[in-house]
């Protein structure tokens, strides 16, 4: 049995991934301060309810049981281009600088395996020097580093979600991509409550004149003109003033989901055709959002029963890690 500690746990995709590939584990501790994430975690893993150590900066690691695997998905806001990009230098006071708190855990416990997950902007030209500095710190502690940007759509989840993973261990090979068989039609629900549907007149990113009953033209801020969304496809309406995100469509006509963010419950929309000359467009349900993060229905049922609100569920999912990507990494790492 592998002993695990998850930092910045969220609702713990890490534990879901271990369960998905049949790895027996004991979550000796976890660290989370968001009250909704804690509530969801307790619904998913009630057996570990009393092991949340809270604020990572206040943990005395000498009083924490030893562990073999340490996962850390520190806040991404100050690395992400969707945020202010203030960076994460040590002692800078940004949320992303909490990364350096993980060094205390690693120095104290020297676990066999370390896994970092964060937005791919962490390895952009702007922030790669910081990323390199972090890896050098790990090398000083005797770790060999392997990093790669992985996309959820390459691991059978129909979402364009590029995240950097850093695995620190003696020997490791990243998982290879597999064909996408888990298509959107297997993710999306067939019957959806009316509250998820949007008055098309209020959506300013859609043309009035459409080429056909099965195609929606969505304005892209980065290009002159419009891009086609096929009937049943998804498009991103988040950040309406953004020059890079509005109108984003992934795959062929929206056949995979754009990257889910903390505002996923409002931003990702589905085009279902036309009625009386007007497009039928709806938001994704909470169940669909969690499925796009690789969460299985049994776990979704628990959070649906928790009483956590719709917007908070979307935020929890958008801030988490895709279970299937983690499962692929854990399979290579631990089996």
Protein backbone atom coordinates (compact mmCIF):
# COMPACT_ATOMS: atom_id res chain seq x y z
CA UNK A 1 0.00 0.00 0.00
CA UNK A 2 1.34 3.42 -0.98
CA UNK A 3 1.20 6.28 1.51
CA UNK A 4 0.04 9.55 -0.04
CA UNK A 5 -0.06 13.23 0.89
CA UNK A 6 -1.88 15.63 -1.45
CA UNK A 7 -1.21 19.37 -1.14
CA UNK A 8 -3.68 21.92 -2.55
CA UNK A 9 -5.96 18.89 -2.74
CA UNK A 10 -9.20 20.31 -4.13
CA UNK A 11 -11.65 17.42 -4.12
CA UNK A 12 -8.68 15.10 -4.76
CA UNK A 13 -8.52 13.92 -8.35
CA UNK A 14 -5.28 12.31 -7.20
CA UNK A 15 -7.08 9.76 -5.02
CA UNK A 16 -9.68 9.19 -7.74
CA UNK A 17 -6.89 8.40 -10.21
CA UNK A 18 -5.26 5.91 -7.84
CA UNK A 19 -8.59 4.17 -7.33
CA UNK A 20 -9.22 4.14 -11.09
CA UNK A 21 -6.12 2.01 -11.74
CA UNK A 22 -6.55 -0.17 -8.67
CA UNK A 23 -3.66 1.17 -6.56
CA UNK A 24 -4.17 0.60 -2.86
CA UNK A 25 -3.27 3.71 -0.93
CA UNK A 26 -3.58 5.43 2.40
CA UNK A 27 -4.09 9.19 2.34
CA UNK A 28 -2.05 10.03 5.44
CA UNK A 29 -2.83 13.72 5.07
CA UNK A 30 -4.13 16.44 2.78
CA UNK A 31 -4.01 20.22 2.71
CA UNK A 32 -6.92 22.39 1.56
CA UNK A 33 -8.46 25.65 2.80
CA UNK A 34 -11.35 26.29 0.38
CA UNK A 35 -14.52 25.41 2.26
CA UNK A 36 -16.36 24.08 -0.79
CA UNK A 37 -13.41 21.93 -1.85
CA UNK A 38 -13.22 20.57 1.71
CA UNK A 39 -16.94 19.79 1.68
CA UNK A 40 -16.64 17.98 -1.65
CA UNK A 41 -13.56 16.08 -0.47
CA UNK A 42 -15.41 14.91 2.63
CA UNK A 43 -18.27 13.67 0.46
CA UNK A 44 -15.92 11.79 -1.86
CA UNK A 45 -13.56 10.46 0.82
CA UNK A 46 -15.32 10.52 4.19
CA UNK A 47 -12.76 8.07 5.60
CA UNK A 48 -10.10 10.81 5.40
CA UNK A 49 -12.26 13.63 6.75
CA UNK A 50 -10.10 14.20 9.84
CA UNK A 51 -6.77 14.27 7.99
CA UNK A 52 -6.97 17.74 6.43
CA UNK A 53 -4.09 19.78 7.83
CA UNK A 54 -5.36 23.04 6.32
CA UNK A 55 -3.05 25.90 5.36
CA UNK A 56 0.15 24.39 3.95
CA UNK A 57 2.24 27.29 5.28
CA UNK A 58 1.28 26.39 8.86
CA UNK A 59 1.98 22.64 8.79
CA UNK A 60 4.66 21.24 11.08
CA UNK A 61 5.93 18.45 8.84
CA UNK A 62 7.73 16.76 11.71
CA UNK A 63 4.32 15.86 13.11
CA UNK A 64 3.02 14.41 9.81
CA UNK A 65 3.26 10.65 9.13
CA UNK A 66 5.79 9.61 6.47
CA UNK A 67 4.49 9.25 2.91
CA UNK A 68 5.74 7.78 -0.39
CA UNK A 69 3.92 10.03 -2.87
CA UNK A 70 3.57 13.80 -2.58
CA UNK A 71 1.35 15.63 -5.08
CA UNK A 72 1.22 19.42 -5.25
CA UNK A 73 -0.98 21.51 -7.50
CA UNK A 74 -0.29 24.96 -6.11
CA UNK A 75 -2.44 27.96 -7.15
CA UNK A 76 -2.07 28.80 -10.83
CA UNK A 77 -3.61 32.28 -10.95
CA UNK A 78 -0.31 34.13 -11.04
CA UNK A 79 1.11 31.94 -13.81
CA UNK A 80 -2.01 31.74 -16.00
CA UNK A 81 -2.56 34.14 -18.87
CA UNK A 82 -6.18 34.26 -17.69
CA UNK A 83 -4.89 35.92 -14.50
CA UNK A 84 -2.54 38.81 -13.72
CA UNK A 85 0.64 36.76 -14.36
CA UNK A 86 2.40 38.20 -11.29
CA UNK A 87 4.55 35.08 -11.02
CA UNK A 88 5.48 32.86 -8.11
CA UNK A 89 8.91 33.90 -6.91
CA UNK A 90 9.71 32.84 -3.37
CA UNK A 91 8.60 35.39 -0.75
CA UNK A 92 6.75 37.44 -3.39
CA UNK A 93 3.43 37.07 -1.58
CA UNK A 94 1.50 35.91 -4.64
CA UNK A 95 -0.80 32.92 -4.36
CA UNK A 96 1.38 30.98 -6.79
CA UNK A 97 4.44 31.53 -4.57
CA UNK A 98 2.90 28.96 -2.20
CA UNK A 99 4.79 26.48 -4.41
CA UNK A 100 7.84 27.12 -2.24
CA UNK A 101 6.01 25.93 0.87
CA UNK A 102 6.17 22.44 -0.64
CA UNK A 103 9.94 22.43 -0.24
CA UNK A 104 9.48 22.12 3.54
CA UNK A 105 7.42 18.95 3.08
CA UNK A 106 9.92 17.42 0.66
CA UNK A 107 12.93 18.25 2.81
CA UNK A 108 11.31 16.79 5.92
CA UNK A 109 9.88 13.61 4.40
CA UNK A 110 11.90 12.87 1.23
CA UNK A 111 9.06 10.91 -0.41
CA UNK A 112 9.92 8.53 -3.26
CA UNK A 113 7.67 10.26 -5.78
CA UNK A 114 6.72 13.90 -6.37
CA UNK A 115 4.12 15.11 -8.86
CA UNK A 116 3.53 18.78 -9.66
CA UNK A 117 0.59 19.89 -11.82
CA UNK A 118 -0.01 23.43 -13.02
CA UNK A 119 -1.03 25.51 -16.03
CA UNK A 120 1.18 25.18 -19.07
CA UNK A 121 2.10 28.88 -18.76
CA UNK A 122 4.50 27.79 -16.01
CA UNK A 123 6.85 26.56 -18.76
CA UNK A 124 6.37 29.61 -20.99
CA UNK A 125 9.32 31.89 -21.69
CA UNK A 126 8.15 34.24 -18.96
CA UNK A 127 8.10 31.70 -16.16
CA UNK A 128 10.45 28.93 -17.28
CA UNK A 129 13.38 30.43 -15.31
CA UNK A 130 11.32 30.02 -12.14
CA UNK A 131 10.33 26.49 -13.14
CA UNK A 132 14.00 25.68 -13.76
CA UNK A 133 14.93 27.14 -10.38
CA UNK A 134 12.37 24.86 -8.72
CA UNK A 135 13.73 21.80 -10.53
CA UNK A 136 17.26 22.70 -9.45
CA UNK A 137 16.05 22.79 -5.86
CA UNK A 138 14.68 19.26 -6.27
CA UNK A 139 17.91 18.06 -7.89
CA UNK A 140 19.84 19.31 -4.86
CA UNK A 141 17.62 17.04 -2.76
CA UNK A 142 18.50 14.04 -4.95
CA UNK A 143 15.56 13.93 -7.36
CA UNK A 144 15.64 13.39 -11.12
CA UNK A 145 13.05 15.52 -12.89
CA UNK A 146 10.82 14.66 -15.84
CA UNK A 147 8.33 17.18 -17.15
CA UNK A 148 5.84 17.33 -19.99
CA UNK A 149 2.73 19.25 -21.03
CA UNK A 150 -0.18 16.80 -21.34
CA UNK A 151 -3.60 17.41 -22.84
CA UNK A 152 -6.72 15.76 -21.44
CA UNK A 153 -7.95 15.10 -24.99
CA UNK A 154 -4.96 12.79 -25.49
CA UNK A 155 -6.13 10.65 -22.58
CA UNK A 156 -9.70 9.90 -23.61
CA UNK A 157 -11.35 12.97 -22.08
CA UNK A 158 -13.00 15.31 -24.60
CA UNK A 159 -11.57 18.54 -23.19
CA UNK A 160 -8.72 20.70 -24.45
CA UNK A 161 -6.86 21.10 -21.15
CA UNK A 162 -3.08 21.50 -21.41
CA UNK A 163 -1.31 21.21 -18.07
CA UNK A 164 2.35 20.76 -17.19
CA UNK A 165 3.25 17.78 -15.02
CA UNK A 166 6.60 17.45 -13.29
CA UNK A 167 7.42 13.98 -11.99
CA UNK A 168 10.43 13.79 -9.72
CA UNK A 169 11.80 10.28 -9.25
CA UNK A 170 14.73 8.06 -10.16
CA UNK A 171 13.18 6.67 -13.38
CA UNK A 172 9.96 7.54 -15.19
CA UNK A 173 8.37 7.57 -18.66
CA UNK A 174 5.36 9.76 -19.38
CA UNK A 175 2.26 8.01 -20.74
CA UNK A 176 1.73 8.03 -24.49
CA UNK A 177 -1.37 9.50 -26.11
CA UNK A 178 -4.29 7.19 -26.85
CA UNK A 179 -7.15 7.59 -29.36
CA UNK A 180 -10.12 9.59 -28.07
CA UNK A 181 -13.05 7.19 -27.82
CA UNK A 182 -14.88 8.89 -24.97
CA UNK A 183 -16.59 11.42 -27.23
CA UNK A 184 -18.85 14.28 -26.20
CA UNK A 185 -22.01 12.34 -26.99
CA UNK A 186 -21.01 9.93 -24.20
CA UNK A 187 -20.42 12.80 -21.78
CA UNK A 188 -23.39 15.09 -22.39
CA UNK A 189 -26.79 14.38 -20.90
CA UNK A 190 -29.76 13.66 -23.16
CA UNK A 191 -32.31 15.48 -20.97
CA UNK A 192 -31.44 18.85 -19.45
CA UNK A 193 -33.51 21.17 -17.30
CA UNK A 194 -34.77 24.38 -18.92
CA UNK A 195 -32.73 26.52 -16.49
CA UNK A 196 -29.57 25.66 -18.42
CA UNK A 197 -30.86 27.17 -21.68
CA UNK A 198 -29.90 30.70 -22.69
CA UNK A 199 -31.87 33.38 -24.46
CA UNK A 200 -29.96 33.57 -27.74
CA UNK A 201 -30.84 37.26 -28.14
CA UNK A 202 -28.53 38.01 -25.20
CA UNK A 203 -25.49 36.36 -26.76
CA UNK A 204 -23.59 39.02 -28.68
CA UNK A 205 -21.00 36.62 -30.12
CA UNK A 206 -23.46 34.94 -32.53
CA UNK A 207 -24.37 36.07 -36.04
CA UNK A 208 -27.97 36.71 -36.93
CA UNK A 209 -27.59 35.15 -40.39
CA UNK A 210 -26.65 31.48 -40.27
CA UNK A 211 -25.49 29.29 -43.19
CA UNK A 212 -27.58 26.23 -42.25
CA UNK A 213 -29.69 24.61 -39.54
CA UNK A 214 -26.71 22.54 -38.33
CA UNK A 215 -23.98 25.21 -38.23
CA UNK A 216 -23.54 28.12 -35.82
CA UNK A 217 -21.14 30.94 -36.66
CA UNK A 218 -19.32 32.24 -33.58
CA UNK A 219 -17.23 35.39 -33.63
CA UNK A 220 -13.58 34.88 -32.68
CA UNK A 221 -11.83 37.84 -31.14
CA UNK A 222 -8.44 36.83 -32.53
CA UNK A 223 -9.54 36.49 -36.13
CA UNK A 224 -11.51 38.46 -38.65
CA UNK A 225 -14.73 36.64 -39.31
CA UNK A 226 -16.31 33.69 -37.61
CA UNK A 227 -15.74 30.03 -36.87
CA UNK A 228 -18.20 27.20 -37.38
CA UNK A 229 -19.67 25.21 -34.51
CA UNK A 230 -21.42 22.00 -35.53
CA UNK A 231 -24.76 21.02 -34.05
CA UNK A 232 -24.03 19.35 -30.71
CA UNK A 233 -20.66 21.09 -30.43
CA UNK A 234 -19.25 23.26 -27.64
CA UNK A 235 -17.72 26.71 -27.71
CA UNK A 236 -16.18 29.03 -25.13
CA UNK A 237 -18.02 32.25 -24.26
CA UNK A 238 -15.83 33.02 -21.24
CA UNK A 239 -13.91 36.26 -20.92
CA UNK A 240 -16.04 38.22 -23.43
CA UNK A 241 -13.43 40.99 -23.69
CA UNK A 242 -10.51 38.62 -24.19
CA UNK A 243 -8.63 38.62 -27.48
CA UNK A 244 -7.63 34.98 -27.07
CA UNK A 245 -10.53 33.10 -25.43
CA UNK A 246 -13.89 34.39 -26.73
CA UNK A 247 -15.43 32.11 -29.32
CA UNK A 248 -12.82 29.41 -28.83
CA UNK A 249 -13.78 26.13 -30.47
CA UNK A 250 -11.78 22.91 -30.08
CA UNK A 251 -11.57 19.98 -32.47
CA UNK A 252 -13.68 19.80 -35.59
CA UNK A 253 -16.57 22.16 -35.06
CA UNK A 254 -16.53 21.87 -31.29
CA UNK A 255 -16.38 18.08 -30.96
CA UNK A 256 -14.24 18.35 -27.83
CA UNK A 257 -14.63 20.79 -24.97
CA UNK A 258 -12.51 23.90 -24.61
CA UNK A 259 -10.50 24.06 -21.39
CA UNK A 260 -12.75 24.24 -18.35
CA UNK A 261 -11.96 27.09 -15.99
CA UNK A 262 -13.32 28.10 -12.60
CA UNK A 263 -16.18 29.80 -14.47
CA UNK A 264 -16.93 26.70 -16.55
CA UNK A 265 -20.54 26.57 -15.39
CA UNK A 266 -21.19 29.80 -17.32
CA UNK A 267 -18.54 29.91 -20.01
CA UNK A 268 -18.75 26.68 -22.01
CA UNK A 269 -21.89 26.53 -24.15
CA UNK A 270 -23.49 23.88 -26.35
CA UNK A 271 -25.22 24.56 -29.67
CA UNK A 272 -28.22 22.25 -30.17
CA UNK A 273 -29.64 23.52 -33.45
CA UNK A 274 -32.25 26.10 -34.36
CA UNK A 275 -35.88 26.72 -33.49
CA UNK A 276 -37.96 29.38 -35.22
CA UNK A 277 -34.79 30.72 -36.79
CA UNK A 278 -32.99 31.21 -33.46
CA UNK A 279 -30.14 29.08 -32.13
CA UNK A 280 -30.76 26.81 -29.15
CA UNK A 281 -27.84 27.23 -26.76
CA UNK A 282 -27.34 26.00 -23.22
CA UNK A 283 -24.81 25.88 -20.42
CA UNK A 284 -23.25 22.60 -19.36
CA UNK A 285 -24.77 20.85 -16.37
CA UNK A 286 -22.70 20.25 -13.27
CA UNK A 287 -22.65 16.52 -14.04
CA UNK A 288 -21.30 17.16 -17.54
CA UNK A 289 -18.59 19.46 -16.19
CA UNK A 290 -17.41 16.84 -13.69
CA UNK A 291 -17.47 14.15 -16.38
CA UNK A 292 -15.21 16.36 -18.51
CA UNK A 293 -12.77 16.28 -15.58
CA UNK A 294 -12.84 12.48 -15.53
CA UNK A 295 -14.98 12.20 -12.38
CA UNK A 296 -17.13 9.06 -12.44
CA UNK A 297 -20.88 9.25 -11.88
CA UNK A 298 -20.77 7.54 -8.49
CA UNK A 299 -18.60 10.37 -7.15
CA UNK A 300 -20.73 12.99 -8.94
CA UNK A 301 -23.83 11.60 -7.23
CA UNK A 302 -22.22 12.33 -3.87
CA UNK A 303 -21.46 15.94 -4.64
CA UNK A 304 -24.91 16.44 -6.11
CA UNK A 305 -26.32 15.35 -2.76
CA UNK A 306 -23.97 17.63 -0.79
CA UNK A 307 -25.89 20.85 -1.30
CA UNK A 308 -22.89 22.67 -2.81
CA UNK A 309 -24.22 25.26 -5.24
CA UNK A 310 -23.99 25.08 -9.02
CA UNK A 311 -21.43 27.85 -9.41
CA UNK A 312 -19.20 26.40 -6.70
CA UNK A 313 -19.37 22.94 -8.31
CA UNK A 314 -18.19 24.45 -11.58
CA UNK A 315 -15.37 26.23 -9.78
CA UNK A 316 -14.29 23.02 -8.03
CA UNK A 317 -14.15 21.14 -11.32
CA UNK A 318 -12.37 23.90 -13.24
CA UNK A 319 -9.71 24.14 -10.53
CA UNK A 320 -9.06 20.40 -10.39
CA UNK A 321 -6.96 17.88 -12.35
CA UNK A 322 -8.36 15.50 -14.97
CA UNK A 323 -8.54 12.09 -13.29
CA UNK A 324 -7.66 10.11 -16.43
CA UNK A 325 -4.43 12.03 -17.03
CA UNK A 326 -3.34 11.43 -13.45
CA UNK A 327 -4.33 7.78 -13.71
CA UNK A 328 -2.11 7.35 -16.79
CA UNK A 329 0.83 8.93 -14.94
CA UNK A 330 0.26 6.87 -11.80
CA UNK A 331 0.03 3.68 -13.86
CA UNK A 332 3.48 4.31 -15.35
CA UNK A 333 4.87 5.46 -12.04
CA UNK A 334 3.51 2.88 -9.62
CA UNK A 335 2.80 -0.34 -11.54
